[in-house]
Amino acid sequence: METGWIGCDACATAQALYLVKLIGGELYFCGHHYNKNKEALDKQSFEVIELNKIEEVPTLEKAE
């Protein structure tokens, strides 16, 4: 996965928070432009990845 600052493809001034994967390629969007175009993107995309999201890793309990 890419690291560093990635600009929004719609405005290029805000940091991208979403990677939208389409049949024809990928687009990066800031939160504002993703939310503004969400309905259309949901119809055209096959995957949306929230960038910089920290996922909690489950911990296993120790067997007694």
C-alpha atoms as a PDB file:
ATOM      1  CA  MET A   1       0.000   0.000   0.000  1.00  0.00           C
ATOM      2  CA  GLU A   2       1.190   3.484  -0.756  1.00  0.00           C
ATOM      3  CA  THR A   3       2.357   5.688   2.059  1.00  0.00           C
ATOM      4  CA  GLY A   4       2.635   9.431   2.383  1.00  0.00           C
ATOM      5  CA  TRP A   5       0.360  12.220   1.305  1.00  0.00           C
ATOM      6  CA  ILE A   6      -2.074  11.487  -1.534  1.00  0.00           C
ATOM      7  CA  GLY A   7      -4.222  14.306  -2.875  1.00  0.00           C
ATOM      8  CA  CYS A   8      -7.903  14.131  -3.742  1.00  0.00           C
ATOM      9  CA  ASP A   9      -8.449  13.615  -7.493  1.00  0.00           C
ATOM     10  CA  ALA A  10     -11.377  16.064  -7.424  1.00  0.00           C
ATOM     11  CA  CYS A  11      -9.712  19.042  -5.751  1.00  0.00           C
ATOM     12  CA  ALA A  12      -6.010  18.137  -5.278  1.00  0.00           C
ATOM     13  CA  THR A  13      -5.786  20.378  -2.202  1.00  0.00           C
ATOM     14  CA  ALA A  14      -7.217  18.000   0.403  1.00  0.00           C
ATOM     15  CA  GLN A  15      -5.708  14.718   1.513  1.00  0.00           C
ATOM     16  CA  ALA A  16      -7.431  11.642   0.125  1.00  0.00           C
ATOM     17  CA  LEU A  17      -9.311   9.589   2.693  1.00  0.00           C
ATOM     18  CA  TYR A  18     -10.850   7.062   0.288  1.00  0.00           C
ATOM     19  CA  LEU A  19      -9.528   4.929  -2.546  1.00  0.00           C
ATOM     20  CA  VAL A  20     -12.340   4.013  -4.938  1.00  0.00           C
ATOM     21  CA  LYS A  21     -11.627   1.084  -7.254  1.00  0.00           C
ATOM     22  CA  LEU A  22     -13.471   1.101 -10.570  1.00  0.00           C
ATOM     23  CA  ILE A  23     -13.288  -1.213 -13.583  1.00  0.00           C
ATOM     24  CA  GLY A  24     -11.381   1.494 -15.485  1.00  0.00           C
ATOM     25  CA  GLY A  25      -8.964   2.454 -12.703  1.00  0.00           C
ATOM     26  CA  GLU A  26      -8.740   4.025  -9.274  1.00  0.00           C
ATOM     27  CA  LEU A  27      -9.748   7.394  -7.856  1.00  0.00           C
ATOM     28  CA  TYR A  28      -8.750   9.065  -4.603  1.00  0.00           C
ATOM     29  CA  PHE A  29     -11.224  11.319  -2.785  1.00  0.00           C
ATOM     30  CA  CYS A  30     -11.208  13.534   0.283  1.00  0.00           C
ATOM     31  CA  GLY A  31     -14.138  13.065   2.652  1.00  0.00           C
ATOM     32  CA  HIS A  32     -16.080  15.985   1.162  1.00  0.00           C
ATOM     33  CA  HIS A  33     -15.908  14.794  -2.454  1.00  0.00           C
ATOM     34  CA  TYR A  34     -16.459  11.141  -1.531  1.00  0.00           C
ATOM     35  CA  ASN A  35     -19.636  12.023   0.382  1.00  0.00           C
ATOM     36  CA  LYS A  36     -20.780  14.382  -2.383  1.00  0.00           C
ATOM     37  CA  ASN A  37     -20.449  11.610  -5.009  1.00  0.00           C
ATOM     38  CA  LYS A  38     -21.127   8.561  -2.823  1.00  0.00           C
ATOM     39  CA  GLU A  39     -24.380   7.499  -4.494  1.00  0.00           C
ATOM     40  CA  ALA A  40     -22.854   7.475  -7.989  1.00  0.00           C
ATOM     41  CA  LEU A  41     -19.614   5.881  -6.766  1.00  0.00           C
ATOM     42  CA  ASP A  42     -21.503   3.071  -5.021  1.00  0.00           C
ATOM     43  CA  LYS A  43     -23.101   2.160  -8.360  1.00  0.00           C
ATOM     44  CA  GLN A  44     -19.814   2.167 -10.311  1.00  0.00           C
ATOM     45  CA  SER A  45     -17.179   0.933  -7.865  1.00  0.00           C
ATOM     46  CA  PHE A  46     -16.356  -2.612  -6.879  1.00  0.00           C
ATOM     47  CA  GLU A  47     -14.364  -1.662  -3.769  1.00  0.00           C
ATOM     48  CA  VAL A  48     -13.939   1.381  -1.532  1.00  0.00           C
ATOM     49  CA  ILE A  49     -10.995   1.473   0.857  1.00  0.00           C
ATOM     50  CA  GLU A  50     -10.846   3.910   3.747  1.00  0.00           C
ATOM     51  CA  LEU A  51      -7.237   5.084   3.859  1.00  0.00           C
ATOM     52  CA  ASN A  52      -5.265   5.522   7.089  1.00  0.00           C
ATOM     53  CA  LYS A  53      -7.884   3.562   9.008  1.00  0.00           C
ATOM     54  CA  ILE A  54      -6.430   1.811  12.019  1.00  0.00           C
ATOM     55  CA  GLU A  55      -8.082  -1.538  12.488  1.00  0.00           C
ATOM     56  CA  GLU A  56      -8.195  -3.062  15.907  1.00  0.00           C
ATOM     57  CA  VAL A  57      -6.484  -6.440  16.015  1.00  0.00           C
ATOM     58  CA  PRO A  58      -8.365  -8.941  18.155  1.00  0.00           C
ATOM     59  CA  THR A  59      -6.427 -10.442  21.014  1.00  0.00           C
ATOM     60  CA  LEU A  60      -6.615 -14.088  21.892  1.00  0.00           C
ATOM     61  CA  GLU A  61      -7.378 -15.128  25.423  1.00  0.00           C
ATOM     62  CA  LYS A  62      -4.915 -17.410  27.062  1.00  0.00           C
ATOM     63  CA  ALA A  63      -6.244 -20.931  27.641  1.00  0.00           C
ATOM     64  CA  GLU A  64      -6.188 -22.070  31.232  1.00  0.00           C
END
